[in-house]
Amino acid sequence: MANFNVSVTQNREQQPADITAGVSTTYTISNTLEGSSYFTLETVKNSDGFYDTTSPKNTSGSFTLGSGLSSLVQSDYMASVVVAPGGGVLTFVPAIDIVKETLDLRGTGA
């Protein structure tokens, strides 16, 4: 099990460590803003700014939203949640191994 602390106010940052398929990964997402904001996990796009057949499907798998999180939007390449003030915990069990350089984490509340 891997645990990462992230924030809705952080810039786009690389996943801090590789993640193994089937291993539960927890993101504790803080939100110090007065209103709700978003947090996103996103596969790194190719040089043309798109995903293609060589792009890893980094967000395929299962997500569990803890209190303070809602409205999961998920594809094979991106997953986003709404984060209430105070924050919440997002649990992700990936379907594939994820190489840290291929997954970005970003908040959108800055």
PDB file of N, CA and C in Angstrom:
ATOM      1  N   MET A   1       0.844  -1.183   0.000  1.00  0.00           N
ATOM      2  CA  MET A   1       0.000   0.000   0.000  1.00  0.00           C
ATOM      3  C   MET A   1       0.882   1.237   0.000  1.00  0.00           C
ATOM      4  N   ALA A   2       0.559   2.182  -0.878  1.00  0.00           N
ATOM      5  CA  ALA A   2       1.304   3.435  -0.961  1.00  0.00           C
ATOM      6  C   ALA A   2       0.393   4.583  -0.539  1.00  0.00           C
ATOM      7  N   ASN A   3       0.971   5.584   0.111  1.00  0.00           N
ATOM      8  CA  ASN A   3       0.223   6.750   0.577  1.00  0.00           C
ATOM      9  C   ASN A   3       0.920   8.021   0.106  1.00  0.00           C
ATOM     10  N   PHE A   4       0.150   8.954  -0.437  1.00  0.00           N
ATOM     11  CA  PHE A   4       0.698  10.211  -0.910  1.00  0.00           C
ATOM     12  C   PHE A   4      -0.154  11.361  -0.412  1.00  0.00           C
ATOM     13  N   ASN A   5       0.489  12.461   0.008  1.00  0.00           N
ATOM     14  CA  ASN A   5      -0.200  13.672   0.433  1.00  0.00           C
ATOM     15  C   ASN A   5      -0.131  14.671  -0.710  1.00  0.00           C
ATOM     16  N   VAL A   6      -1.282  15.163  -1.144  1.00  0.00           N
ATOM     17  CA  VAL A   6      -1.372  16.089  -2.265  1.00  0.00           C
ATOM     18  C   VAL A   6      -2.338  17.213  -1.896  1.00  0.00           C
ATOM     19  N   SER A   7      -2.445  18.215  -2.776  1.00  0.00           N
ATOM     20  CA  SER A   7      -3.288  19.374  -2.478  1.00  0.00           C
ATOM     21  C   SER A   7      -4.000  19.863  -3.730  1.00  0.00           C
ATOM     22  N   VAL A   8      -5.180  20.445  -3.551  1.00  0.00           N
ATOM     23  CA  VAL A   8      -5.898  21.033  -4.682  1.00  0.00           C
ATOM     24  C   VAL A   8      -5.190  22.284  -5.198  1.00  0.00           C
ATOM     25  N   THR A   9      -4.240  22.817  -4.463  1.00  0.00           N
ATOM     26  CA  THR A   9      -3.540  24.027  -4.891  1.00  0.00           C
ATOM     27  C   THR A   9      -2.168  23.738  -5.490  1.00  0.00           C
ATOM     28  N   GLN A  10      -1.792  22.474  -5.613  1.00  0.00           N
ATOM     29  CA  GLN A  10      -0.471  22.178  -6.171  1.00  0.00           C
ATOM     30  C   GLN A  10      -0.492  22.300  -7.694  1.00  0.00           C
ATOM     31  N   ASN A  11       0.663  22.646  -8.246  1.00  0.00           N
ATOM     32  CA  ASN A  11       0.817  22.667  -9.694  1.00  0.00           C
ATOM     33  C   ASN A  11       0.873  21.234 -10.201  1.00  0.00           C
ATOM     34  N   ARG A  12       0.929  21.078 -11.497  1.00  0.00           N
ATOM     35  CA  ARG A  12       1.093  19.747 -12.088  1.00  0.00           C
ATOM     36  C   ARG A  12       2.434  19.186 -11.615  1.00  0.00           C
ATOM     37  N   GLU A  13       2.386  18.038 -10.962  1.00  0.00           N
ATOM     38  CA  GLU A  13       3.596  17.398 -10.458  1.00  0.00           C
ATOM     39  C   GLU A  13       3.589  15.928 -10.850  1.00  0.00           C
ATOM     40  N   GLN A  14       4.775  15.392 -11.011  1.00  0.00           N
ATOM     41  CA  GLN A  14       4.910  13.988 -11.359  1.00  0.00           C
ATOM     42  C   GLN A  14       4.563  13.096 -10.174  1.00  0.00           C
ATOM     43  N   GLN A  15       3.925  11.960 -10.455  1.00  0.00           N
ATOM     44  CA  GLN A  15       3.670  10.947  -9.435  1.00  0.00           C
ATOM     45  C   GLN A  15       5.002  10.676  -8.715  1.00  0.00           C
ATOM     46  N   PRO A  16       5.053  10.688  -7.378  1.00  0.00           N
ATOM     47  CA  PRO A  16       6.323  10.558  -6.661  1.00  0.00           C
ATOM     48  C   PRO A  16       6.985   9.174  -6.717  1.00  0.00           C
ATOM     49  N   ALA A  17       6.221   8.132  -7.046  1.00  0.00           N
ATOM     50  CA  ALA A  17       6.795   6.781  -7.061  1.00  0.00           C
ATOM     51  C   ALA A  17       5.994   5.904  -8.008  1.00  0.00           C
ATOM     52  N   ASP A  18       6.641   4.842  -8.496  1.00  0.00           N
ATOM     53  CA  ASP A  18       5.920   3.868  -9.313  1.00  0.00           C
ATOM     54  C   ASP A  18       4.814   3.230  -8.478  1.00  0.00           C
ATOM     55  N   ILE A  19       3.775   2.728  -9.165  1.00  0.00           N
ATOM     56  CA  ILE A  19       2.665   2.056  -8.500  1.00  0.00           C
ATOM     57  C   ILE A  19       2.488   0.696  -9.172  1.00  0.00           C
ATOM     58  N   THR A  20       2.312  -0.327  -8.374  1.00  0.00           N
ATOM     59  CA  THR A  20       2.145  -1.682  -8.884  1.00  0.00           C
ATOM     60  C   THR A  20       0.666  -1.999  -9.079  1.00  0.00           C
ATOM     61  N   ALA A  21       0.365  -2.669 -10.192  1.00  0.00           N
ATOM     62  CA  ALA A  21      -1.015  -3.085 -10.473  1.00  0.00           C
ATOM     63  C   ALA A  21      -1.570  -3.880  -9.304  1.00  0.00           C
ATOM     64  N   GLY A  22      -2.813  -3.592  -8.940  1.00  0.00           N
ATOM     65  CA  GLY A  22      -3.496  -4.321  -7.877  1.00  0.00           C
ATOM     66  C   GLY A  22      -3.167  -3.873  -6.466  1.00  0.00           C
ATOM     67  N   VAL A  23      -2.227  -2.934  -6.320  1.00  0.00           N
ATOM     68  CA  VAL A  23      -1.843  -2.456  -4.990  1.00  0.00           C
ATOM     69  C   VAL A  23      -2.626  -1.181  -4.664  1.00  0.00           C
ATOM     70  N   SER A  24      -3.291  -1.170  -3.531  1.00  0.00           N
ATOM     71  CA  SER A  24      -4.069  -0.021  -3.099  1.00  0.00           C
ATOM     72  C   SER A  24      -3.169   1.194  -2.872  1.00  0.00           C
ATOM     73  N   THR A  25      -3.537   2.312  -3.493  1.00  0.00           N
ATOM     74  CA  THR A  25      -2.785   3.563  -3.381  1.00  0.00           C
ATOM     75  C   THR A  25      -3.725   4.626  -2.833  1.00  0.00           C
ATOM     76  N   THR A  26      -3.300   5.323  -1.793  1.00  0.00           N
ATOM     77  CA  THR A  26      -4.134   6.326  -1.145  1.00  0.00           C
ATOM     78  C   THR A  26      -3.558   7.716  -1.367  1.00  0.00           C
ATOM     79  N   TYR A  27      -4.417   8.623  -1.846  1.00  0.00           N
ATOM     80  CA  TYR A  27      -4.068  10.031  -1.983  1.00  0.00           C
ATOM     81  C   TYR A  27      -4.872  10.800  -0.943  1.00  0.00           C
ATOM     82  N   THR A  28      -4.180  11.401   0.029  1.00  0.00           N
ATOM     83  CA  THR A  28      -4.828  12.278   0.992  1.00  0.00           C
ATOM     84  C   THR A  28      -4.754  13.680   0.405  1.00  0.00           C
ATOM     85  N   ILE A  29      -5.921  14.204   0.026  1.00  0.00           N
ATOM     86  CA  ILE A  29      -5.994  15.468  -0.710  1.00  0.00           C
ATOM     87  C   ILE A  29      -6.440  16.578   0.240  1.00  0.00           C
ATOM     88  N   SER A  30      -5.583  17.573   0.442  1.00  0.00           N
ATOM     89  CA  SER A  30      -5.965  18.699   1.295  1.00  0.00           C
ATOM     90  C   SER A  30      -6.586  19.805   0.450  1.00  0.00           C
ATOM     91  N   ASN A  31      -7.536  20.513   1.051  1.00  0.00           N
ATOM     92  CA  ASN A  31      -8.159  21.670   0.412  1.00  0.00           C
ATOM     93  C   ASN A  31      -8.335  22.743   1.473  1.00  0.00           C
ATOM     94  N   THR A  32      -7.438  23.726   1.450  1.00  0.00           N
ATOM     95  CA  THR A  32      -7.496  24.832   2.404  1.00  0.00           C
ATOM     96  C   THR A  32      -8.316  26.006   1.879  1.00  0.00           C
ATOM     97  N   LEU A  33      -8.905  25.853   0.703  1.00  0.00           N
ATOM     98  CA  LEU A  33      -9.715  26.924   0.105  1.00  0.00           C
ATOM     99  C   LEU A  33     -11.092  26.984   0.762  1.00  0.00           C
ATOM    100  N   GLU A  34     -11.787  28.103   0.591  1.00  0.00           N
ATOM    101  CA  GLU A  34     -13.121  28.267   1.173  1.00  0.00           C
ATOM    102  C   GLU A  34     -14.185  27.473   0.427  1.00  0.00           C
ATOM    103  N   GLY A  35     -13.929  27.143  -0.840  1.00  0.00           N
ATOM    104  CA  GLY A  35     -14.894  26.401  -1.640  1.00  0.00           C
ATOM    105  C   GLY A  35     -14.312  25.106  -2.156  1.00  0.00           C
ATOM    106  N   SER A  36     -15.156  24.332  -2.788  1.00  0.00           N
ATOM    107  CA  SER A  36     -14.714  23.070  -3.381  1.00  0.00           C
ATOM    108  C   SER A  36     -13.788  23.339  -4.560  1.00  0.00           C
ATOM    109  N   SER A  37     -12.934  22.367  -4.858  1.00  0.00           N
ATOM    110  CA  SER A  37     -12.032  22.455  -5.991  1.00  0.00           C
ATOM    111  C   SER A  37     -11.868  21.065  -6.585  1.00  0.00           C
ATOM    112  N   TYR A  38     -10.938  20.910  -7.501  1.00  0.00           N
ATOM    113  CA  TYR A  38     -10.740  19.645  -8.188  1.00  0.00           C
ATOM    114  C   TYR A  38      -9.324  19.124  -8.003  1.00  0.00           C
ATOM    115  N   PHE A  39      -9.204  17.798  -8.079  1.00  0.00           N
ATOM    116  CA  PHE A  39      -7.888  17.169  -8.119  1.00  0.00           C
ATOM    117  C   PHE A  39      -7.916  16.117  -9.220  1.00  0.00           C
ATOM    118  N   THR A  40      -6.821  16.050 -10.000  1.00  0.00           N
ATOM    119  CA  THR A  40      -6.776  15.190 -11.178  1.00  0.00           C
ATOM    120  C   THR A  40      -5.513  14.341 -11.212  1.00  0.00           C
ATOM    121  N   LEU A  41      -5.674  13.078 -11.608  1.00  0.00           N
ATOM    122  CA  LEU A  41      -4.574  12.188 -11.971  1.00  0.00           C
ATOM    123  C   LEU A  41      -4.643  12.076 -13.485  1.00  0.00           C
ATOM    124  N   GLU A  42      -3.535  12.315 -14.195  1.00  0.00           N
ATOM    125  CA  GLU A  42      -3.582  12.324 -15.652  1.00  0.00           C
ATOM    126  C   GLU A  42      -2.346  11.687 -16.267  1.00  0.00           C
ATOM    127  N   THR A  43      -2.577  10.781 -17.215  1.00  0.00           N
ATOM    128  CA  THR A  43      -1.493  10.199 -17.994  1.00  0.00           C
ATOM    129  C   THR A  43      -0.807  11.315 -18.780  1.00  0.00           C
ATOM    130  N   VAL A  44       0.521  11.283 -18.837  1.00  0.00           N
ATOM    131  CA  VAL A  44       1.270  12.281 -19.591  1.00  0.00           C
ATOM    132  C   VAL A  44       0.959  12.103 -21.081  1.00  0.00           C
ATOM    133  N   LYS A  45       0.597  13.203 -21.735  1.00  0.00           N
ATOM    134  CA  LYS A  45       0.252  13.161 -23.163  1.00  0.00           C
ATOM    135  C   LYS A  45       1.520  13.098 -24.014  1.00  0.00           C
ATOM    136  N   ASN A  46       1.373  12.650 -25.272  1.00  0.00           N
ATOM    137  CA  ASN A  46       2.524  12.589 -26.168  1.00  0.00           C
ATOM    138  C   ASN A  46       2.924  13.994 -26.615  1.00  0.00           C
ATOM    139  N   SER A  47       3.942  14.095 -27.445  1.00  0.00           N
ATOM    140  CA  SER A  47       4.474  15.404 -27.839  1.00  0.00           C
ATOM    141  C   SER A  47       3.471  16.245 -28.622  1.00  0.00           C
ATOM    142  N   ASP A  48       2.432  15.623 -29.194  1.00  0.00           N
ATOM    143  CA  ASP A  48       1.393  16.362 -29.910  1.00  0.00           C
ATOM    144  C   ASP A  48       0.267  16.824 -28.986  1.00  0.00           C
ATOM    145  N   GLY A  49       0.367  16.488 -27.690  1.00  0.00           N
ATOM    146  CA  GLY A  49      -0.649  16.899 -26.734  1.00  0.00           C
ATOM    147  C   GLY A  49      -1.861  15.990 -26.676  1.00  0.00           C
ATOM    148  N   PHE A  50      -1.720  14.760 -27.165  1.00  0.00           N
ATOM    149  CA  PHE A  50      -2.818  13.805 -27.177  1.00  0.00           C
ATOM    150  C   PHE A  50      -2.372  12.477 -26.567  1.00  0.00           C
ATOM    151  N   TYR A  51      -3.313  11.579 -26.361  1.00  0.00           N
ATOM    152  CA  TYR A  51      -3.015  10.197 -26.008  1.00  0.00           C
ATOM    153  C   TYR A  51      -3.046   9.403 -27.309  1.00  0.00           C
ATOM    154  N   ASP A  52      -2.256   8.334 -27.404  1.00  0.00           N
ATOM    155  CA  ASP A  52      -2.301   7.487 -28.579  1.00  0.00           C
ATOM    156  C   ASP A  52      -2.213   6.024 -28.153  1.00  0.00           C
ATOM    157  N   THR A  53      -2.047   5.142 -29.099  1.00  0.00           N
ATOM    158  CA  THR A  53      -2.036   3.708 -28.794  1.00  0.00           C
ATOM    159  C   THR A  53      -0.857   3.302 -27.925  1.00  0.00           C
ATOM    160  N   THR A  54       0.169   4.153 -27.815  1.00  0.00           N
ATOM    161  CA  THR A  54       1.309   3.831 -26.947  1.00  0.00           C
ATOM    162  C   THR A  54       1.153   4.417 -25.550  1.00  0.00           C
ATOM    163  N   SER A  55       0.122   5.232 -25.333  1.00  0.00           N
ATOM    164  CA  SER A  55      -0.084   5.854 -24.015  1.00  0.00           C
ATOM    165  C   SER A  55      -0.567   4.815 -23.010  1.00  0.00           C
ATOM    166  N   PRO A  56       0.053   4.763 -21.830  1.00  0.00           N
ATOM    167  CA  PRO A  56      -0.429   3.821 -20.817  1.00  0.00           C
ATOM    168  C   PRO A  56      -1.793   4.254 -20.282  1.00  0.00           C
ATOM    169  N   LYS A  57      -2.622   3.291 -20.004  1.00  0.00           N
ATOM    170  CA  LYS A  57      -3.961   3.567 -19.461  1.00  0.00           C
ATOM    171  C   LYS A  57      -3.860   3.633 -17.937  1.00  0.00           C
ATOM    172  N   ASN A  58      -3.188   4.700 -17.474  1.00  0.00           N
ATOM    173  CA  ASN A  58      -2.810   4.821 -16.059  1.00  0.00           C
ATOM    174  C   ASN A  58      -3.962   4.928 -15.081  1.00  0.00           C
ATOM    175  N   THR A  59      -5.111   5.364 -15.510  1.00  0.00           N
ATOM    176  CA  THR A  59      -6.210   5.503 -14.555  1.00  0.00           C
ATOM    177  C   THR A  59      -7.279   4.434 -14.751  1.00  0.00           C
ATOM    178  N   SER A  60      -6.919   3.363 -15.450  1.00  0.00           N
ATOM    179  CA  SER A  60      -7.831   2.223 -15.485  1.00  0.00           C
ATOM    180  C   SER A  60      -7.658   1.475 -14.168  1.00  0.00           C
ATOM    181  N   GLY A  61      -8.743   1.073 -13.592  1.00  0.00           N
ATOM    182  CA  GLY A  61      -8.730   0.434 -12.280  1.00  0.00           C
ATOM    183  C   GLY A  61      -9.933   0.903 -11.492  1.00  0.00           C
ATOM    184  N   SER A  62      -9.867   0.739 -10.168  1.00  0.00           N
ATOM    185  CA  SER A  62     -11.011   1.132  -9.334  1.00  0.00           C
ATOM    186  C   SER A  62     -10.645   2.271  -8.389  1.00  0.00           C
ATOM    187  N   PHE A  63     -11.610   3.155  -8.185  1.00  0.00           N
ATOM    188  CA  PHE A  63     -11.459   4.296  -7.286  1.00  0.00           C
ATOM    189  C   PHE A  63     -12.514   4.214  -6.194  1.00  0.00           C
ATOM    190  N   THR A  64     -12.119   4.590  -4.977  1.00  0.00           N
ATOM    191  CA  THR A  64     -13.048   4.696  -3.857  1.00  0.00           C
ATOM    192  C   THR A  64     -12.917   6.105  -3.291  1.00  0.00           C
ATOM    193  N   LEU A  65     -14.050   6.794  -3.188  1.00  0.00           N
ATOM    194  CA  LEU A  65     -14.057   8.163  -2.669  1.00  0.00           C
ATOM    195  C   LEU A  65     -14.365   8.153  -1.184  1.00  0.00           C
ATOM    196  N   GLY A  66     -13.488   8.774  -0.395  1.00  0.00           N
ATOM    197  CA  GLY A  66     -13.753   8.953   1.020  1.00  0.00           C
ATOM    198  C   GLY A  66     -14.596  10.190   1.236  1.00  0.00           C
ATOM    199  N   SER A  67     -14.967  10.458   2.486  1.00  0.00           N
ATOM    200  CA  SER A  67     -15.753  11.653   2.784  1.00  0.00           C
ATOM    201  C   SER A  67     -14.976  12.883   2.329  1.00  0.00           C
ATOM    202  N   GLY A  68     -15.700  13.897   1.879  1.00  0.00           N
ATOM    203  CA  GLY A  68     -15.075  15.118   1.382  1.00  0.00           C
ATOM    204  C   GLY A  68     -14.815  15.097  -0.113  1.00  0.00           C
ATOM    205  N   LEU A  69     -15.029  13.944  -0.764  1.00  0.00           N
ATOM    206  CA  LEU A  69     -14.832  13.830  -2.211  1.00  0.00           C
ATOM    207  C   LEU A  69     -16.145  13.437  -2.881  1.00  0.00           C
ATOM    208  N   SER A  70     -16.315  13.900  -4.120  1.00  0.00           N
ATOM    209  CA  SER A  70     -17.518  13.544  -4.885  1.00  0.00           C
ATOM    210  C   SER A  70     -17.236  13.675  -6.372  1.00  0.00           C
ATOM    211  N   SER A  71     -18.201  13.259  -7.161  1.00  0.00           N
ATOM    212  CA  SER A  71     -18.237  13.494  -8.607  1.00  0.00           C
ATOM    213  C   SER A  71     -16.998  12.990  -9.351  1.00  0.00           C
ATOM    214  N   LEU A  72     -16.662  11.722  -9.162  1.00  0.00           N
ATOM    215  CA  LEU A  72     -15.552  11.125  -9.900  1.00  0.00           C
ATOM    216  C   LEU A  72     -15.877  11.086 -11.391  1.00  0.00           C
ATOM    217  N   VAL A  73     -14.946  11.592 -12.190  1.00  0.00           N
ATOM    218  CA  VAL A  73     -15.008  11.482 -13.645  1.00  0.00           C
ATOM    219  C   VAL A  73     -13.752  10.720 -14.034  1.00  0.00           C
ATOM    220  N   GLN A  74     -13.920   9.581 -14.741  1.00  0.00           N
ATOM    221  CA  GLN A  74     -12.789   8.706 -14.998  1.00  0.00           C
ATOM    222  C   GLN A  74     -12.804   8.180 -16.434  1.00  0.00           C
ATOM    223  N   SER A  75     -11.622   8.141 -17.029  1.00  0.00           N
ATOM    224  CA  SER A  75     -11.391   7.450 -18.288  1.00  0.00           C
ATOM    225  C   SER A  75     -10.139   6.602 -18.077  1.00  0.00           C
ATOM    226  N   ASP A  76      -9.657   5.943 -19.115  1.00  0.00           N
ATOM    227  CA  ASP A  76      -8.427   5.167 -18.972  1.00  0.00           C
ATOM    228  C   ASP A  76      -7.191   6.051 -18.799  1.00  0.00           C
ATOM    229  N   TYR A  77      -7.311   7.339 -19.117  1.00  0.00           N
ATOM    230  CA  TYR A  77      -6.157   8.231 -19.104  1.00  0.00           C
ATOM    231  C   TYR A  77      -6.213   9.339 -18.053  1.00  0.00           C
ATOM    232  N   MET A  78      -7.390   9.600 -17.494  1.00  0.00           N
ATOM    233  CA  MET A  78      -7.539  10.699 -16.542  1.00  0.00           C
ATOM    234  C   MET A  78      -8.655  10.390 -15.553  1.00  0.00           C
ATOM    235  N   ALA A  79      -8.463  10.841 -14.315  1.00  0.00           N
ATOM    236  CA  ALA A  79      -9.511  10.739 -13.297  1.00  0.00           C
ATOM    237  C   ALA A  79      -9.492  12.025 -12.482  1.00  0.00           C
ATOM    238  N   SER A  80     -10.682  12.595 -12.246  1.00  0.00           N
ATOM    239  CA  SER A  80     -10.796  13.828 -11.472  1.00  0.00           C
ATOM    240  C   SER A  80     -11.892  13.681 -10.430  1.00  0.00           C
ATOM    241  N   VAL A  81     -11.697  14.364  -9.304  1.00  0.00           N
ATOM    242  CA  VAL A  81     -12.702  14.378  -8.249  1.00  0.00           C
ATOM    243  C   VAL A  81     -12.895  15.806  -7.758  1.00  0.00           C
ATOM    244  N   VAL A  82     -14.097  16.074  -7.238  1.00  0.00           N
ATOM    245  CA  VAL A  82     -14.376  17.333  -6.560  1.00  0.00           C
ATOM    246  C   VAL A  82     -13.973  17.142  -5.103  1.00  0.00           C
ATOM    247  N   VAL A  83     -13.233  18.116  -4.570  1.00  0.00           N
ATOM    248  CA  VAL A  83     -12.740  18.048  -3.201  1.00  0.00           C
ATOM    249  C   VAL A  83     -13.360  19.183  -2.390  1.00  0.00           C
ATOM    250  N   ALA A  84     -14.098  18.835  -1.359  1.00  0.00           N
ATOM    251  CA  ALA A  84     -14.735  19.824  -0.487  1.00  0.00           C
ATOM    252  C   ALA A  84     -13.680  20.528   0.375  1.00  0.00           C
ATOM    253  N   PRO A  85     -14.020  21.710   0.935  1.00  0.00           N
ATOM    254  CA  PRO A  85     -13.085  22.358   1.860  1.00  0.00           C
ATOM    255  C   PRO A  85     -12.682  21.386   2.965  1.00  0.00           C
ATOM    256  N   GLY A  86     -11.419  21.382   3.286  1.00  0.00           N
ATOM    257  CA  GLY A  86     -10.873  20.452   4.277  1.00  0.00           C
ATOM    258  C   GLY A  86     -10.191  19.274   3.624  1.00  0.00           C
ATOM    259  N   GLY A  87     -10.764  18.752   2.541  1.00  0.00           N
ATOM    260  CA  GLY A  87     -10.119  17.672   1.813  1.00  0.00           C
ATOM    261  C   GLY A  87     -10.795  16.332   1.977  1.00  0.00           C
ATOM    262  N   GLY A  88     -10.090  15.299   1.547  1.00  0.00           N
ATOM    263  CA  GLY A  88     -10.613  13.939   1.615  1.00  0.00           C
ATOM    264  C   GLY A  88      -9.575  12.929   1.170  1.00  0.00           C
ATOM    265  N   VAL A  89      -9.983  11.677   1.146  1.00  0.00           N
ATOM    266  CA  VAL A  89      -9.064  10.594   0.806  1.00  0.00           C
ATOM    267  C   VAL A  89      -9.597   9.848  -0.411  1.00  0.00           C
ATOM    268  N   LEU A  90      -8.729   9.705  -1.422  1.00  0.00           N
ATOM    269  CA  LEU A  90      -9.026   8.973  -2.643  1.00  0.00           C
ATOM    270  C   LEU A  90      -8.185   7.700  -2.656  1.00  0.00           C
ATOM    271  N   THR A  91      -8.844   6.558  -2.805  1.00  0.00           N
ATOM    272  CA  THR A  91      -8.129   5.289  -2.881  1.00  0.00           C
ATOM    273  C   THR A  91      -8.226   4.769  -4.306  1.00  0.00           C
ATOM    274  N   PHE A  92      -7.093   4.368  -4.862  1.00  0.00           N
ATOM    275  CA  PHE A  92      -6.996   3.917  -6.247  1.00  0.00           C
ATOM    276  C   PHE A  92      -6.277   2.576  -6.290  1.00  0.00           C
ATOM    277  N   VAL A  93      -6.879   1.620  -6.956  1.00  0.00           N
ATOM    278  CA  VAL A  93      -6.238   0.328  -7.202  1.00  0.00           C
ATOM    279  C   VAL A  93      -6.082   0.214  -8.714  1.00  0.00           C
ATOM    280  N   PRO A  94      -4.862   0.442  -9.237  1.00  0.00           N
ATOM    281  CA  PRO A  94      -4.661   0.456 -10.679  1.00  0.00           C
ATOM    282  C   PRO A  94      -4.725  -0.942 -11.291  1.00  0.00           C
ATOM    283  N   ALA A  95      -5.182  -0.988 -12.539  1.00  0.00           N
ATOM    284  CA  ALA A  95      -5.260  -2.249 -13.275  1.00  0.00           C
ATOM    285  C   ALA A  95      -3.921  -2.613 -13.913  1.00  0.00           C
ATOM    286  N   ILE A  96      -3.031  -1.613 -14.076  1.00  0.00           N
ATOM    287  CA  ILE A  96      -1.722  -1.846 -14.692  1.00  0.00           C
ATOM    288  C   ILE A  96      -0.629  -1.257 -13.804  1.00  0.00           C
ATOM    289  N   ASP A  97       0.608  -1.690 -14.020  1.00  0.00           N
ATOM    290  CA  ASP A  97       1.743  -1.050 -13.350  1.00  0.00           C
ATOM    291  C   ASP A  97       1.886   0.360 -13.909  1.00  0.00           C
ATOM    292  N   ILE A  98       2.177   1.324 -13.028  1.00  0.00           N
ATOM    293  CA  ILE A  98       2.320   2.718 -13.451  1.00  0.00           C
ATOM    294  C   ILE A  98       3.745   3.181 -13.167  1.00  0.00           C
ATOM    295  N   VAL A  99       4.401   3.650 -14.216  1.00  0.00           N
ATOM    296  CA  VAL A  99       5.732   4.233 -14.092  1.00  0.00           C
ATOM    297  C   VAL A  99       5.549   5.703 -13.738  1.00  0.00           C
ATOM    298  N   LYS A 100       6.211   6.157 -12.676  1.00  0.00           N
ATOM    299  CA  LYS A 100       5.953   7.498 -12.141  1.00  0.00           C
ATOM    300  C   LYS A 100       6.079   8.614 -13.180  1.00  0.00           C
ATOM    301  N   GLU A 101       6.964   8.482 -14.154  1.00  0.00           N
ATOM    302  CA  GLU A 101       7.160   9.529 -15.155  1.00  0.00           C
ATOM    303  C   GLU A 101       5.977   9.650 -16.111  1.00  0.00           C
ATOM    304  N   THR A 102       5.037   8.711 -16.072  1.00  0.00           N
ATOM    305  CA  THR A 102       3.917   8.733 -17.017  1.00  0.00           C
ATOM    306  C   THR A 102       2.603   9.175 -16.379  1.00  0.00           C
ATOM    307  N   LEU A 103       2.645   9.611 -15.112  1.00  0.00           N
ATOM    308  CA  LEU A 103       1.423  10.051 -14.434  1.00  0.00           C
ATOM    309  C   LEU A 103       1.668  11.385 -13.749  1.00  0.00           C
ATOM    310  N   ASP A 104       0.814  12.368 -14.061  1.00  0.00           N
ATOM    311  CA  ASP A 104       0.884  13.677 -13.411  1.00  0.00           C
ATOM    312  C   ASP A 104      -0.262  13.803 -12.423  1.00  0.00           C
ATOM    313  N   LEU A 105      -0.011  14.545 -11.342  1.00  0.00           N
ATOM    314  CA  LEU A 105      -1.005  14.859 -10.323  1.00  0.00           C
ATOM    315  C   LEU A 105      -1.134  16.373 -10.294  1.00  0.00           C
ATOM    316  N   ARG A 106      -2.374  16.859 -10.283  1.00  0.00           N
ATOM    317  CA  ARG A 106      -2.509  18.330 -10.255  1.00  0.00           C
ATOM    318  C   ARG A 106      -3.802  18.744  -9.553  1.00  0.00           C
ATOM    319  N   GLY A 107      -3.674  19.839  -8.859  1.00  0.00           N
ATOM    320  CA  GLY A 107      -4.834  20.495  -8.292  1.00  0.00           C
ATOM    321  C   GLY A 107      -5.241  21.612  -9.230  1.00  0.00           C
ATOM    322  N   THR A 108      -6.482  22.028  -9.160  1.00  0.00           N
ATOM    323  CA  THR A 108      -6.933  23.102 -10.041  1.00  0.00           C
ATOM    324  C   THR A 108      -7.471  24.281  -9.258  1.00  0.00           C
ATOM    325  N   GLY A 109      -7.227  24.322  -7.954  1.00  0.00           N
ATOM    326  CA  GLY A 109      -7.790  25.377  -7.139  1.00  0.00           C
ATOM    327  C   GLY A 109      -6.856  26.527  -6.842  1.00  0.00           C
ATOM    328  N   ALA A 110      -5.672  26.522  -7.411  1.00  0.00           N
ATOM    329  CA  ALA A 110      -4.683  27.561  -7.094  1.00  0.00           C
ATOM    330  C   ALA A 110      -5.149  28.917  -7.564  1.00  0.00           C
TER     331      ALA A 110
END
